[in-house]
Amino acid sequence: METPAFAAELDARGLFCPEPVMMLHNRILDVAAGEVLKVVATDPSTTRDIPRFCQFLSHELVSQQELGGEYVYFIRRGH
């Protein structure tokens, strides 16, 4: 799968719910509307929490994948 271009990255490895989503809530504000934020996490609960975060706050979950025990998300910031 091709990696989308991204404007910023959030490393949430080693953190557990609710910390990754709390950090995401702040970090998404650092990218302009329409730009992509890459998130890397190790907490399996992010597979539920991050898509829900995107849905509720009108951000686009461009891609979500698991790579060797890490969860990688690309999120396009909504307006």
PDB file of N, CA and C in Angstrom:
ATOM      1  N   MET A   1       0.834  -1.185   0.000  1.00  0.00           N
ATOM      2  CA  MET A   1       0.000   0.000   0.000  1.00  0.00           C
ATOM      3  C   MET A   1       0.880   1.249   0.000  1.00  0.00           C
ATOM      4  N   GLU A   2       0.500   2.218  -0.781  1.00  0.00           N
ATOM      5  CA  GLU A   2       1.274   3.455  -0.874  1.00  0.00           C
ATOM      6  C   GLU A   2       0.999   4.328   0.345  1.00  0.00           C
ATOM      7  N   THR A   3       2.048   4.913   0.901  1.00  0.00           N
ATOM      8  CA  THR A   3       1.906   5.781   2.067  1.00  0.00           C
ATOM      9  C   THR A   3       1.454   7.165   1.629  1.00  0.00           C
ATOM     10  N   PRO A   4       0.345   7.661   2.189  1.00  0.00           N
ATOM     11  CA  PRO A   4      -0.094   9.013   1.836  1.00  0.00           C
ATOM     12  C   PRO A   4       0.922  10.055   2.308  1.00  0.00           C
ATOM     13  N   ALA A   5       0.995  11.169   1.585  1.00  0.00           N
ATOM     14  CA  ALA A   5       1.841  12.285   2.041  1.00  0.00           C
ATOM     15  C   ALA A   5       1.212  12.845   3.309  1.00  0.00           C
ATOM     16  N   PHE A   6       2.047  13.199   4.282  1.00  0.00           N
ATOM     17  CA  PHE A   6       1.500  13.737   5.530  1.00  0.00           C
ATOM     18  C   PHE A   6       2.287  14.957   5.975  1.00  0.00           C
ATOM     19  N   ALA A   7       1.593  15.870   6.663  1.00  0.00           N
ATOM     20  CA  ALA A   7       2.172  17.141   7.084  1.00  0.00           C
ATOM     21  C   ALA A   7       2.811  17.055   8.463  1.00  0.00           C
ATOM     22  N   ALA A   8       2.331  16.129   9.295  1.00  0.00           N
ATOM     23  CA  ALA A   8       2.840  16.006  10.669  1.00  0.00           C
ATOM     24  C   ALA A   8       2.630  14.577  11.141  1.00  0.00           C
ATOM     25  N   GLU A   9       3.302  14.242  12.242  1.00  0.00           N
ATOM     26  CA  GLU A   9       3.234  12.881  12.779  1.00  0.00           C
ATOM     27  C   GLU A   9       3.042  12.934  14.286  1.00  0.00           C
ATOM     28  N   LEU A  10       2.273  11.987  14.807  1.00  0.00           N
ATOM     29  CA  LEU A  10       2.077  11.833  16.243  1.00  0.00           C
ATOM     30  C   LEU A  10       2.545  10.436  16.628  1.00  0.00           C
ATOM     31  N   ASP A  11       3.520  10.362  17.507  1.00  0.00           N
ATOM     32  CA  ASP A  11       4.023   9.081  18.005  1.00  0.00           C
ATOM     33  C   ASP A  11       3.359   8.808  19.350  1.00  0.00           C
ATOM     34  N   ALA A  12       2.390   7.891  19.349  1.00  0.00           N
ATOM     35  CA  ALA A  12       1.671   7.545  20.578  1.00  0.00           C
ATOM     36  C   ALA A  12       2.042   6.138  21.041  1.00  0.00           C
ATOM     37  N   ARG A  13       3.199   5.639  20.596  1.00  0.00           N
ATOM     38  CA  ARG A  13       3.634   4.291  20.994  1.00  0.00           C
ATOM     39  C   ARG A  13       3.873   4.240  22.493  1.00  0.00           C
ATOM     40  N   GLY A  14       3.420   3.145  23.116  1.00  0.00           N
ATOM     41  CA  GLY A  14       3.627   2.956  24.553  1.00  0.00           C
ATOM     42  C   GLY A  14       2.571   3.620  25.413  1.00  0.00           C
ATOM     43  N   LEU A  15       1.646   4.345  24.812  1.00  0.00           N
ATOM     44  CA  LEU A  15       0.588   5.008  25.574  1.00  0.00           C
ATOM     45  C   LEU A  15      -0.690   4.180  25.494  1.00  0.00           C
ATOM     46  N   PHE A  16      -1.521   4.310  26.516  1.00  0.00           N
ATOM     47  CA  PHE A  16      -2.760   3.536  26.595  1.00  0.00           C
ATOM     48  C   PHE A  16      -3.957   4.462  26.701  1.00  0.00           C
ATOM     49  N   CYS A  17      -5.102   3.933  26.295  1.00  0.00           N
ATOM     50  CA  CYS A  17      -6.367   4.663  26.320  1.00  0.00           C
ATOM     51  C   CYS A  17      -6.533   5.350  27.683  1.00  0.00           C
ATOM     52  N   PRO A  18      -6.880   6.631  27.715  1.00  0.00           N
ATOM     53  CA  PRO A  18      -7.308   7.485  26.611  1.00  0.00           C
ATOM     54  C   PRO A  18      -6.202   8.384  26.041  1.00  0.00           C
ATOM     55  N   GLU A  19      -4.946   8.169  26.460  1.00  0.00           N
ATOM     56  CA  GLU A  19      -3.875   9.100  26.074  1.00  0.00           C
ATOM     57  C   GLU A  19      -3.694   9.293  24.565  1.00  0.00           C
ATOM     58  N   PRO A  20      -3.669   8.220  23.737  1.00  0.00           N
ATOM     59  CA  PRO A  20      -3.455   8.472  22.305  1.00  0.00           C
ATOM     60  C   PRO A  20      -4.493   9.409  21.683  1.00  0.00           C
ATOM     61  N   VAL A  21      -5.767   9.222  22.047  1.00  0.00           N
ATOM     62  CA  VAL A  21      -6.813  10.073  21.471  1.00  0.00           C
ATOM     63  C   VAL A  21      -6.741  11.488  22.056  1.00  0.00           C
ATOM     64  N   MET A  22      -6.382  11.613  23.323  1.00  0.00           N
ATOM     65  CA  MET A  22      -6.222  12.951  23.905  1.00  0.00           C
ATOM     66  C   MET A  22      -5.100  13.698  23.187  1.00  0.00           C
ATOM     67  N   MET A  23      -3.991  13.010  22.917  1.00  0.00           N
ATOM     68  CA  MET A  23      -2.884  13.643  22.194  1.00  0.00           C
ATOM     69  C   MET A  23      -3.297  13.967  20.752  1.00  0.00           C
ATOM     70  N   LEU A  24      -4.050  13.063  20.130  1.00  0.00           N
ATOM     71  CA  LEU A  24      -4.532  13.284  18.767  1.00  0.00           C
ATOM     72  C   LEU A  24      -5.424  14.522  18.711  1.00  0.00           C
ATOM     73  N   HIS A  25      -6.261  14.675  19.723  1.00  0.00           N
ATOM     74  CA  HIS A  25      -7.173  15.823  19.776  1.00  0.00           C
ATOM     75  C   HIS A  25      -6.401  17.139  19.694  1.00  0.00           C
ATOM     76  N   ASN A  26      -5.251  17.208  20.360  1.00  0.00           N
ATOM     77  CA  ASN A  26      -4.414  18.416  20.316  1.00  0.00           C
ATOM     78  C   ASN A  26      -3.584  18.486  19.041  1.00  0.00           C
ATOM     79  N   ARG A  27      -3.019  17.368  18.633  1.00  0.00           N
ATOM     80  CA  ARG A  27      -2.076  17.358  17.497  1.00  0.00           C
ATOM     81  C   ARG A  27      -2.759  17.642  16.168  1.00  0.00           C
ATOM     82  N   ILE A  28      -4.021  17.241  16.008  1.00  0.00           N
ATOM     83  CA  ILE A  28      -4.728  17.471  14.742  1.00  0.00           C
ATOM     84  C   ILE A  28      -4.854  18.969  14.473  1.00  0.00           C
ATOM     85  N   LEU A  29      -4.823  19.774  15.526  1.00  0.00           N
ATOM     86  CA  LEU A  29      -4.916  21.231  15.372  1.00  0.00           C
ATOM     87  C   LEU A  29      -3.642  21.827  14.780  1.00  0.00           C
ATOM     88  N   ASP A  30      -2.553  21.057  14.779  1.00  0.00           N
ATOM     89  CA  ASP A  30      -1.278  21.534  14.243  1.00  0.00           C
ATOM     90  C   ASP A  30      -1.189  21.407  12.725  1.00  0.00           C
ATOM     91  N   VAL A  31      -2.153  20.723  12.115  1.00  0.00           N
ATOM     92  CA  VAL A  31      -2.151  20.613  10.654  1.00  0.00           C
ATOM     93  C   VAL A  31      -3.335  21.402  10.108  1.00  0.00           C
ATOM     94  N   ALA A  32      -3.159  21.966   8.928  1.00  0.00           N
ATOM     95  CA  ALA A  32      -4.216  22.759   8.306  1.00  0.00           C
ATOM     96  C   ALA A  32      -5.337  21.851   7.811  1.00  0.00           C
ATOM     97  N   ALA A  33      -6.524  22.393   7.689  1.00  0.00           N
ATOM     98  CA  ALA A  33      -7.657  21.649   7.138  1.00  0.00           C
ATOM     99  C   ALA A  33      -7.260  21.091   5.774  1.00  0.00           C
ATOM    100  N   GLY A  34      -7.542  19.807   5.566  1.00  0.00           N
ATOM    101  CA  GLY A  34      -7.203  19.158   4.308  1.00  0.00           C
ATOM    102  C   GLY A  34      -5.846  18.471   4.313  1.00  0.00           C
ATOM    103  N   GLU A  35      -5.007  18.781   5.308  1.00  0.00           N
ATOM    104  CA  GLU A  35      -3.703  18.121   5.406  1.00  0.00           C
ATOM    105  C   GLU A  35      -3.836  16.829   6.208  1.00  0.00           C
ATOM    106  N   VAL A  36      -2.808  15.979   6.097  1.00  0.00           N
ATOM    107  CA  VAL A  36      -2.862  14.649   6.705  1.00  0.00           C
ATOM    108  C   VAL A  36      -1.893  14.551   7.886  1.00  0.00           C
ATOM    109  N   LEU A  37      -2.379  13.929   8.962  1.00  0.00           N
ATOM    110  CA  LEU A  37      -1.581  13.644  10.150  1.00  0.00           C
ATOM    111  C   LEU A  37      -1.373  12.129  10.216  1.00  0.00           C
ATOM    112  N   LYS A  38      -0.130  11.716  10.403  1.00  0.00           N
ATOM    113  CA  LYS A  38       0.182  10.297  10.590  1.00  0.00           C
ATOM    114  C   LYS A  38       0.228  10.021  12.087  1.00  0.00           C
ATOM    115  N   VAL A  39      -0.429   8.953  12.516  1.00  0.00           N
ATOM    116  CA  VAL A  39      -0.432   8.552  13.925  1.00  0.00           C
ATOM    117  C   VAL A  39       0.081   7.121  14.017  1.00  0.00           C
ATOM    118  N   VAL A  40       1.044   6.904  14.928  1.00  0.00           N
ATOM    119  CA  VAL A  40       1.559   5.558  15.184  1.00  0.00           C
ATOM    120  C   VAL A  40       1.286   5.242  16.651  1.00  0.00           C
ATOM    121  N   ALA A  41       0.613   4.115  16.902  1.00  0.00           N
ATOM    122  CA  ALA A  41       0.250   3.737  18.264  1.00  0.00           C
ATOM    123  C   ALA A  41       0.483   2.240  18.465  1.00  0.00           C
ATOM    124  N   THR A  42       0.570   1.824  19.733  1.00  0.00           N
ATOM    125  CA  THR A  42       0.718   0.408  20.049  1.00  0.00           C
ATOM    126  C   THR A  42      -0.490  -0.131  20.807  1.00  0.00           C
ATOM    127  N   ASP A  43      -1.393   0.730  21.228  1.00  0.00           N
ATOM    128  CA  ASP A  43      -2.566   0.309  21.992  1.00  0.00           C
ATOM    129  C   ASP A  43      -3.656  -0.192  21.032  1.00  0.00           C
ATOM    130  N   PRO A  44      -4.049  -1.478  21.153  1.00  0.00           N
ATOM    131  CA  PRO A  44      -5.082  -2.009  20.260  1.00  0.00           C
ATOM    132  C   PRO A  44      -6.411  -1.254  20.336  1.00  0.00           C
ATOM    133  N   SER A  45      -6.700  -0.602  21.453  1.00  0.00           N
ATOM    134  CA  SER A  45      -7.969   0.129  21.568  1.00  0.00           C
ATOM    135  C   SER A  45      -8.050   1.300  20.585  1.00  0.00           C
ATOM    136  N   THR A  46      -6.907   1.711  20.041  1.00  0.00           N
ATOM    137  CA  THR A  46      -6.947   2.805  19.056  1.00  0.00           C
ATOM    138  C   THR A  46      -7.678   2.372  17.782  1.00  0.00           C
ATOM    139  N   THR A  47      -7.749   1.059  17.526  1.00  0.00           N
ATOM    140  CA  THR A  47      -8.460   0.594  16.325  1.00  0.00           C
ATOM    141  C   THR A  47      -9.955   0.889  16.431  1.00  0.00           C
ATOM    142  N   ARG A  48     -10.445   1.067  17.634  1.00  0.00           N
ATOM    143  CA  ARG A  48     -11.834   1.465  17.867  1.00  0.00           C
ATOM    144  C   ARG A  48     -11.929   2.973  18.069  1.00  0.00           C
ATOM    145  N   ASP A  49     -11.009   3.526  18.877  1.00  0.00           N
ATOM    146  CA  ASP A  49     -11.118   4.921  19.294  1.00  0.00           C
ATOM    147  C   ASP A  49     -10.807   5.927  18.190  1.00  0.00           C
ATOM    148  N   ILE A  50      -9.799   5.659  17.376  1.00  0.00           N
ATOM    149  CA  ILE A  50      -9.406   6.641  16.358  1.00  0.00           C
ATOM    150  C   ILE A  50     -10.450   6.754  15.243  1.00  0.00           C
ATOM    151  N   PRO A  51     -10.986   5.637  14.708  1.00  0.00           N
ATOM    152  CA  PRO A  51     -12.064   5.803  13.729  1.00  0.00           C
ATOM    153  C   PRO A  51     -13.280   6.547  14.295  1.00  0.00           C
ATOM    154  N   ARG A  52     -13.596   6.281  15.556  1.00  0.00           N
ATOM    155  CA  ARG A  52     -14.722   6.970  16.217  1.00  0.00           C
ATOM    156  C   ARG A  52     -14.422   8.461  16.366  1.00  0.00           C
ATOM    157  N   PHE A  53     -13.195   8.792  16.754  1.00  0.00           N
ATOM    158  CA  PHE A  53     -12.755  10.190  16.859  1.00  0.00           C
ATOM    159  C   PHE A  53     -12.965  10.902  15.522  1.00  0.00           C
ATOM    160  N   CYS A  54     -12.523  10.258  14.431  1.00  0.00           N
ATOM    161  CA  CYS A  54     -12.644  10.859  13.097  1.00  0.00           C
ATOM    162  C   CYS A  54     -14.109  11.062  12.721  1.00  0.00           C
ATOM    163  N   GLN A  55     -14.925  10.067  13.007  1.00  0.00           N
ATOM    164  CA  GLN A  55     -16.340  10.143  12.659  1.00  0.00           C
ATOM    165  C   GLN A  55     -17.030  11.290  13.408  1.00  0.00           C
ATOM    166  N   PHE A  56     -16.801  11.386  14.706  1.00  0.00           N
ATOM    167  CA  PHE A  56     -17.469  12.405  15.517  1.00  0.00           C
ATOM    168  C   PHE A  56     -17.005  13.813  15.183  1.00  0.00           C
ATOM    169  N   LEU A  57     -15.723  13.959  14.811  1.00  0.00           N
ATOM    170  CA  LEU A  57     -15.181  15.304  14.586  1.00  0.00           C
ATOM    171  C   LEU A  57     -15.001  15.634  13.104  1.00  0.00           C
ATOM    172  N   SER A  58     -15.573  14.800  12.248  1.00  0.00           N
ATOM    173  CA  SER A  58     -15.587  15.051  10.794  1.00  0.00           C
ATOM    174  C   SER A  58     -14.197  15.138  10.181  1.00  0.00           C
ATOM    175  N   HIS A  59     -13.301  14.257  10.627  1.00  0.00           N
ATOM    176  CA  HIS A  59     -12.000  14.095   9.977  1.00  0.00           C
ATOM    177  C   HIS A  59     -12.077  12.830   9.129  1.00  0.00           C
ATOM    178  N   GLU A  60     -11.261  12.760   8.077  1.00  0.00           N
ATOM    179  CA  GLU A  60     -11.281  11.595   7.201  1.00  0.00           C
ATOM    180  C   GLU A  60     -10.167  10.630   7.593  1.00  0.00           C
ATOM    181  N   LEU A  61     -10.530   9.391   7.883  1.00  0.00           N
ATOM    182  CA  LEU A  61      -9.543   8.346   8.143  1.00  0.00           C
ATOM    183  C   LEU A  61      -9.120   7.799   6.781  1.00  0.00           C
ATOM    184  N   VAL A  62      -7.994   8.303   6.285  1.00  0.00           N
ATOM    185  CA  VAL A  62      -7.520   7.956   4.944  1.00  0.00           C
ATOM    186  C   VAL A  62      -7.108   6.496   4.885  1.00  0.00           C
ATOM    187  N   SER A  63      -6.352   6.047   5.889  1.00  0.00           N
ATOM    188  CA  SER A  63      -5.979   4.635   5.947  1.00  0.00           C
ATOM    189  C   SER A  63      -5.656   4.235   7.374  1.00  0.00           C
ATOM    190  N   GLN A  64      -5.780   2.938   7.613  1.00  0.00           N
ATOM    191  CA  GLN A  64      -5.530   2.346   8.931  1.00  0.00           C
ATOM    192  C   GLN A  64      -4.921   0.984   8.675  1.00  0.00           C
ATOM    193  N   GLN A  65      -3.779   0.716   9.302  1.00  0.00           N
ATOM    194  CA  GLN A  65      -3.156  -0.592   9.101  1.00  0.00           C
ATOM    195  C   GLN A  65      -2.362  -1.008  10.333  1.00  0.00           C
ATOM    196  N   GLU A  66      -2.164  -2.302  10.477  1.00  0.00           N
ATOM    197  CA  GLU A  66      -1.344  -2.831  11.561  1.00  0.00           C
ATOM    198  C   GLU A  66      -0.062  -3.358  10.955  1.00  0.00           C
ATOM    199  N   LEU A  67       1.059  -2.896  11.499  1.00  0.00           N
ATOM    200  CA  LEU A  67       2.372  -3.312  11.016  1.00  0.00           C
ATOM    201  C   LEU A  67       3.206  -3.771  12.193  1.00  0.00           C
ATOM    202  N   GLY A  68       3.364  -5.075  12.342  1.00  0.00           N
ATOM    203  CA  GLY A  68       4.227  -5.609  13.387  1.00  0.00           C
ATOM    204  C   GLY A  68       3.893  -5.148  14.787  1.00  0.00           C
ATOM    205  N   GLY A  69       2.620  -5.160  15.146  1.00  0.00           N
ATOM    206  CA  GLY A  69       2.219  -4.759  16.494  1.00  0.00           C
ATOM    207  C   GLY A  69       2.037  -3.269  16.671  1.00  0.00           C
ATOM    208  N   GLU A  70       2.248  -2.500  15.615  1.00  0.00           N
ATOM    209  CA  GLU A  70       1.999  -1.062  15.664  1.00  0.00           C
ATOM    210  C   GLU A  70       0.820  -0.744  14.748  1.00  0.00           C
ATOM    211  N   TYR A  71       0.038   0.225  15.166  1.00  0.00           N
ATOM    212  CA  TYR A  71      -1.129   0.648  14.402  1.00  0.00           C
ATOM    213  C   TYR A  71      -0.811   2.004  13.784  1.00  0.00           C
ATOM    214  N   VAL A  72      -0.972   2.078  12.479  1.00  0.00           N
ATOM    215  CA  VAL A  72      -0.622   3.300  11.740  1.00  0.00           C
ATOM    216  C   VAL A  72      -1.887   3.856  11.103  1.00  0.00           C
ATOM    217  N   TYR A  73      -2.123   5.148  11.358  1.00  0.00           N
ATOM    218  CA  TYR A  73      -3.322   5.820  10.848  1.00  0.00           C
ATOM    219  C   TYR A  73      -2.891   7.062  10.070  1.00  0.00           C
ATOM    220  N   PHE A  74      -3.605   7.345   9.008  1.00  0.00           N
ATOM    221  CA  PHE A  74      -3.439   8.598   8.291  1.00  0.00           C
ATOM    222  C   PHE A  74      -4.792   9.293   8.324  1.00  0.00           C
ATOM    223  N   ILE A  75      -4.810  10.489   8.912  1.00  0.00           N
ATOM    224  CA  ILE A  75      -6.063  11.212   9.153  1.00  0.00           C
ATOM    225  C   ILE A  75      -5.990  12.563   8.455  1.00  0.00           C
ATOM    226  N   ARG A  76      -6.962  12.814   7.569  1.00  0.00           N
ATOM    227  CA  ARG A  76      -7.053  14.114   6.910  1.00  0.00           C
ATOM    228  C   ARG A  76      -7.952  15.008   7.746  1.00  0.00           C
ATOM    229  N   ARG A  77      -7.411  16.152   8.141  1.00  0.00           N
ATOM    230  CA  ARG A  77      -8.166  17.056   9.007  1.00  0.00           C
ATOM    231  C   ARG A  77      -9.358  17.641   8.246  1.00  0.00           C
ATOM    232  N   GLY A  78     -10.506  17.616   8.906  1.00  0.00           N
ATOM    233  CA  GLY A  78     -11.705  18.237   8.355  1.00  0.00           C
ATOM    234  C   GLY A  78     -11.662  19.746   8.571  1.00  0.00           C
ATOM    235  N   HIS A  79     -12.735  20.413   8.189  1.00  0.00           N
ATOM    236  CA  HIS A  79     -12.756  21.894   8.287  1.00  0.00           C
ATOM    237  C   HIS A  79     -13.259  22.393   9.598  1.00  0.00           C
TER     238      HIS A  79
END
